[in-house]
Amino acid sequence: MLRIIDARTREPVNAAPARRGLTRVEVHAPGSDTTNLRVLLVGDLLVRTLELGGTPVWALLTGGRRQAELRAGATTLGIRPFEDSPDVGAGLGESQVVHVTTEGGTTPDGVRIAVAPVESGPPAHSDPAVLRLALITRHHGTPVRLEAAGLDDARVTLARWRGAVARWARQPSRPIPDDVRGRLRDAWDDDLDVPRVLDVLRQVETEPDLPDGARFETYAYADRLLGLDLTRDLGSPS
């Protein structure tokens, strides 16, 4: 079960306290800069995690005057669409409401995820998938500084993983080992610890006794959360 640290109380809370109960995820992103884009990305990761656990989600975006620019950037980054937030209060059948906002951002009462800022913008013409990976390599509560070295590392990692997934897909499929699946779920259920998910993938990449078919299934499964299109190169020449 996904537990997140409420930024107001610093206490862990269940993101979906009622089994199969609706969780409303409301993102508050009034601008269109990279920090606001990161806020929306964290909202996307939260929605994906809840859905992986079988929780129905209502995903909403409360934006400002730059909402069109923010939505355009979100589409490029592989963030799935959020509905415009209507003027609603409690009492719509949700078992939980989670607000995702910038640090210090103003939101209605309720559970809050505060997203740390991006301290510099991406260079022009950067690969959106590389930018997405660079933004999720730090926990959402930790500031991100986008620099050439970090983006280069993300670019190399993404290319290597996509190539490896394409190779592994040529081998007979094998189930994800229970301990690997457990490590992945323990990571993303622990306050959306996506960097730890990435660490599990690095371990799976090099575990000597793991069949390649199981590596493929592991990466495809984890990508349902990560949204990095890791299976993009399936069927391409070696």
Protein backbone atom coordinates (compact mmCIF):
# COMPACT_ATOMS: atom_id res chain seq x y z
CA MET A 1 0.00 0.00 0.00
CA LEU A 2 1.35 3.40 -0.99
CA ARG A 3 2.25 5.58 1.99
CA ILE A 4 3.31 9.17 1.46
CA ILE A 5 4.75 11.76 3.81
CA ASP A 6 2.21 14.53 4.31
CA ALA A 7 4.15 17.76 3.82
CA ARG A 8 1.96 19.53 6.38
CA THR A 9 2.44 17.11 9.28
CA ARG A 10 5.59 15.22 8.19
CA GLU A 11 3.70 12.04 9.10
CA PRO A 12 3.12 9.06 6.80
CA VAL A 13 -0.42 8.57 5.53
CA ASN A 14 -2.06 6.03 3.26
CA ALA A 15 -2.64 7.47 -0.20
CA ALA A 16 -5.58 5.09 -0.63
CA PRO A 17 -6.98 4.36 2.85
CA ALA A 18 -10.05 2.48 1.59
CA ARG A 19 -9.58 -0.59 -0.58
CA ARG A 20 -10.71 0.25 -4.12
CA GLY A 21 -11.84 3.67 -2.88
CA LEU A 22 -11.44 6.63 -5.19
CA THR A 23 -8.41 8.86 -4.62
CA ARG A 24 -8.47 12.37 -6.04
CA VAL A 25 -5.03 13.61 -7.09
CA GLU A 26 -5.05 17.37 -7.56
CA VAL A 27 -1.93 19.03 -8.96
CA HIS A 28 -1.41 22.73 -8.27
CA ALA A 29 0.94 24.15 -10.89
CA PRO A 30 0.37 27.84 -11.59
CA GLY A 31 3.33 28.30 -13.94
CA SER A 32 4.93 26.56 -16.90
CA ASP A 33 8.60 26.48 -15.89
CA THR A 34 10.55 23.29 -15.20
CA THR A 35 9.67 23.32 -11.50
CA ASN A 36 5.95 23.35 -12.30
CA LEU A 37 6.53 20.66 -14.89
CA ARG A 38 8.22 18.57 -12.20
CA VAL A 39 5.18 19.06 -9.94
CA LEU A 40 2.95 17.70 -12.70
CA LEU A 41 5.39 14.83 -13.31
CA VAL A 42 5.21 13.84 -9.63
CA GLY A 43 1.43 13.91 -9.96
CA ASP A 44 1.74 11.58 -12.95
CA LEU A 45 3.97 9.19 -10.97
CA LEU A 46 1.48 9.25 -8.09
CA VAL A 47 -1.42 8.40 -10.39
CA ARG A 48 0.54 5.57 -12.04
CA THR A 49 1.50 4.11 -8.65
CA LEU A 50 -2.06 4.17 -7.37
CA GLU A 51 -3.33 2.53 -10.54
CA LEU A 52 -0.68 -0.20 -10.29
CA GLY A 53 -2.12 -0.96 -6.86
CA GLY A 54 -5.65 -1.15 -8.23
CA THR A 55 -6.85 2.21 -6.86
CA PRO A 56 -9.23 4.25 -9.02
CA VAL A 57 -7.93 7.79 -9.46
CA TRP A 58 -9.42 11.13 -10.47
CA ALA A 59 -6.51 13.23 -11.76
CA LEU A 60 -7.01 17.01 -11.82
CA LEU A 61 -4.86 20.01 -12.67
CA THR A 62 -5.31 23.44 -11.13
CA GLY A 63 -3.23 25.82 -13.21
CA GLY A 64 -2.73 29.48 -13.84
CA ARG A 65 -2.48 31.61 -16.95
CA ARG A 66 0.33 29.45 -18.37
CA GLN A 67 -1.67 26.21 -18.29
CA ALA A 68 -1.59 25.74 -22.08
CA GLU A 69 2.21 25.92 -22.10
CA LEU A 70 2.38 23.56 -19.11
CA ARG A 71 0.12 21.01 -20.79
CA ALA A 72 2.19 21.18 -23.99
CA GLY A 73 5.36 20.51 -22.03
CA ALA A 74 3.66 17.69 -20.13
CA THR A 75 2.60 15.97 -23.34
CA THR A 76 6.16 16.14 -24.64
CA LEU A 77 7.42 14.64 -21.37
CA GLY A 78 5.04 11.68 -21.54
CA ILE A 79 2.79 12.89 -18.74
CA ARG A 80 -0.71 11.59 -19.22
CA PRO A 81 -3.55 14.15 -19.45
CA PHE A 82 -5.05 15.64 -16.29
CA GLU A 83 -8.57 17.04 -16.26
CA ASP A 84 -9.17 20.71 -15.56
CA SER A 85 -9.95 21.03 -11.88
CA PRO A 86 -13.57 22.05 -11.28
CA ASP A 87 -14.57 24.07 -8.24
CA VAL A 88 -15.35 21.10 -6.03
CA GLY A 89 -15.08 20.37 -2.37
CA ALA A 90 -15.27 17.23 -0.33
CA GLY A 91 -18.13 14.79 -0.47
CA LEU A 92 -17.73 13.41 -4.00
CA GLY A 93 -17.11 9.87 -2.87
CA GLU A 94 -13.34 10.08 -2.56
CA SER A 95 -11.69 8.11 0.20
CA GLN A 96 -8.68 10.42 -0.04
CA VAL A 97 -7.62 13.71 -1.63
CA VAL A 98 -3.91 14.28 -2.28
CA HIS A 99 -2.65 17.71 -3.33
CA VAL A 100 0.65 17.94 -5.22
CA THR A 101 2.26 21.36 -5.12
CA THR A 102 5.52 23.26 -5.10
CA GLU A 103 7.31 23.74 -1.80
CA GLY A 104 5.51 26.51 0.04
CA GLY A 105 2.61 26.44 -2.40
CA THR A 106 -0.88 27.23 -1.16
CA THR A 107 -3.43 24.44 -1.38
CA PRO A 108 -6.75 23.56 0.25
CA ASP A 109 -6.69 21.47 3.41
CA GLY A 110 -5.76 17.87 2.82
CA VAL A 111 -2.83 15.56 2.37
CA ARG A 112 -0.05 17.35 0.52
CA ILE A 113 3.04 16.29 -1.44
CA ALA A 114 5.50 19.17 -1.68
CA VAL A 115 7.83 19.01 -4.69
CA ALA A 116 11.26 20.60 -4.44
CA PRO A 117 12.32 23.03 -7.17
CA VAL A 118 14.36 22.47 -10.30
CA GLU A 119 17.28 24.82 -9.84
CA SER A 120 18.09 25.31 -13.51
CA GLY A 121 16.26 24.83 -16.76
CA PRO A 122 17.05 22.16 -19.37
CA PRO A 123 19.14 23.14 -22.38
CA ALA A 124 17.30 23.82 -25.60
CA HIS A 125 16.37 20.79 -27.71
CA SER A 126 17.00 18.28 -24.90
CA ASP A 127 15.44 14.84 -25.44
CA PRO A 128 12.14 14.76 -23.47
CA ALA A 129 12.67 11.15 -22.31
CA VAL A 130 16.16 12.05 -21.10
CA LEU A 131 14.74 15.05 -19.25
CA ARG A 132 12.06 12.86 -17.65
CA LEU A 133 14.71 10.40 -16.43
CA ALA A 134 16.90 13.22 -15.13
CA LEU A 135 13.96 14.67 -13.18
CA ILE A 136 13.08 11.35 -11.51
CA THR A 137 16.59 10.39 -10.44
CA ARG A 138 16.13 12.49 -7.30
CA HIS A 139 13.37 12.04 -4.72
CA HIS A 140 10.59 14.56 -5.23
CA GLY A 141 11.48 16.24 -1.93
CA THR A 142 15.06 16.90 -3.08
CA PRO A 143 15.93 19.82 -5.39
CA VAL A 144 17.14 18.92 -8.88
CA ARG A 145 19.89 20.78 -10.68
CA LEU A 146 19.83 20.08 -14.41
CA GLU A 147 23.41 20.18 -15.64
CA ALA A 148 25.10 18.79 -18.72
CA ALA A 149 26.78 15.94 -16.84
CA GLY A 150 23.52 14.72 -15.30
CA LEU A 151 21.67 14.91 -18.60
CA ASP A 152 24.48 13.06 -20.36
CA ASP A 153 24.32 10.32 -17.74
CA ALA A 154 20.56 10.05 -18.19
CA ARG A 155 21.00 9.90 -21.98
CA VAL A 156 23.57 7.09 -21.74
CA THR A 157 21.47 5.15 -19.22
CA LEU A 158 18.29 5.44 -21.28
CA ALA A 159 20.01 4.32 -24.49
CA ARG A 160 21.65 1.38 -22.71
CA TRP A 161 18.42 0.23 -21.09
CA ARG A 162 16.39 0.49 -24.28
CA GLY A 163 19.03 -1.49 -26.16
CA ALA A 164 19.18 -4.11 -23.42
CA VAL A 165 15.39 -4.47 -23.27
CA ALA A 166 15.29 -5.02 -27.04
CA ARG A 167 17.93 -7.79 -26.71
CA TRP A 168 16.29 -9.44 -23.73
CA ALA A 169 12.95 -9.50 -25.57
CA ARG A 170 14.44 -11.99 -28.06
CA GLN A 171 14.79 -14.59 -25.28
CA PRO A 172 11.97 -16.75 -23.88
CA SER A 173 9.82 -14.84 -21.43
CA ARG A 174 10.29 -15.62 -17.74
CA PRO A 175 8.27 -14.39 -14.77
CA ILE A 176 9.51 -11.56 -12.60
CA PRO A 177 11.07 -13.13 -9.50
CA ASP A 178 8.95 -12.53 -6.41
CA ASP A 179 11.80 -10.83 -4.55
CA VAL A 180 12.42 -8.43 -7.45
CA ARG A 181 8.73 -7.56 -7.73
CA GLY A 182 8.68 -7.03 -3.98
CA ARG A 183 11.69 -4.71 -4.08
CA LEU A 184 10.06 -2.61 -6.79
CA ARG A 185 6.75 -2.32 -4.96
CA ASP A 186 8.45 -1.62 -1.61
CA ALA A 187 10.31 1.24 -3.29
CA TRP A 188 7.45 3.01 -5.01
CA ASP A 189 5.05 2.39 -2.11
CA ASP A 190 7.52 4.14 0.22
CA ASP A 191 6.70 7.80 -0.42
CA LEU A 192 7.14 7.39 -4.20
CA ASP A 193 10.82 6.49 -3.87
CA VAL A 194 11.45 6.40 -7.62
CA PRO A 195 15.26 6.67 -7.26
CA ARG A 196 15.15 3.35 -5.38
CA VAL A 197 13.10 1.85 -8.23
CA LEU A 198 15.90 2.88 -10.60
CA ASP A 199 18.44 1.27 -8.25
CA VAL A 200 16.49 -2.01 -8.42
CA LEU A 201 16.62 -1.87 -12.23
CA ARG A 202 20.40 -1.34 -12.10
CA GLN A 203 20.68 -4.42 -9.89
CA VAL A 204 18.47 -6.48 -12.21
CA GLU A 205 20.55 -5.39 -15.20
CA THR A 206 23.66 -7.09 -13.80
CA GLU A 207 22.36 -9.95 -11.61
CA PRO A 208 24.28 -12.92 -13.05
CA ASP A 209 21.73 -15.69 -12.44
CA LEU A 210 18.65 -13.88 -13.72
CA PRO A 211 17.31 -15.06 -17.11
CA ASP A 212 17.14 -12.36 -19.76
CA GLY A 213 13.42 -13.03 -20.21
CA ALA A 214 12.87 -12.13 -16.55
CA ARG A 215 14.95 -8.97 -16.97
CA PHE A 216 12.72 -7.95 -19.86
CA GLU A 217 9.50 -8.52 -17.89
CA THR A 218 10.93 -6.61 -14.92
CA TYR A 219 11.81 -3.57 -16.99
CA ALA A 220 8.49 -3.60 -18.84
CA TYR A 221 6.63 -3.81 -15.52
CA ALA A 222 8.63 -1.01 -13.89
CA ASP A 223 8.12 1.19 -16.95
CA ARG A 224 4.39 1.26 -16.23
CA LEU A 225 5.44 3.61 -13.43
CA LEU A 226 8.50 5.27 -14.94
CA GLY A 227 6.98 6.12 -18.33
CA LEU A 228 10.36 6.04 -20.12
CA ASP A 229 9.23 3.98 -23.12
CA LEU A 230 11.88 1.37 -22.36
CA THR A 231 10.37 -1.06 -24.89
CA ARG A 232 10.61 1.47 -27.73
CA ASP A 233 13.37 -0.37 -29.62
CA LEU A 234 11.74 -3.80 -29.68
CA GLY A 235 12.24 -5.38 -33.09
CA SER A 236 15.02 -3.02 -34.11
CA PRO A 237 18.24 -4.45 -35.60
CA SER A 238 21.01 -5.27 -33.13
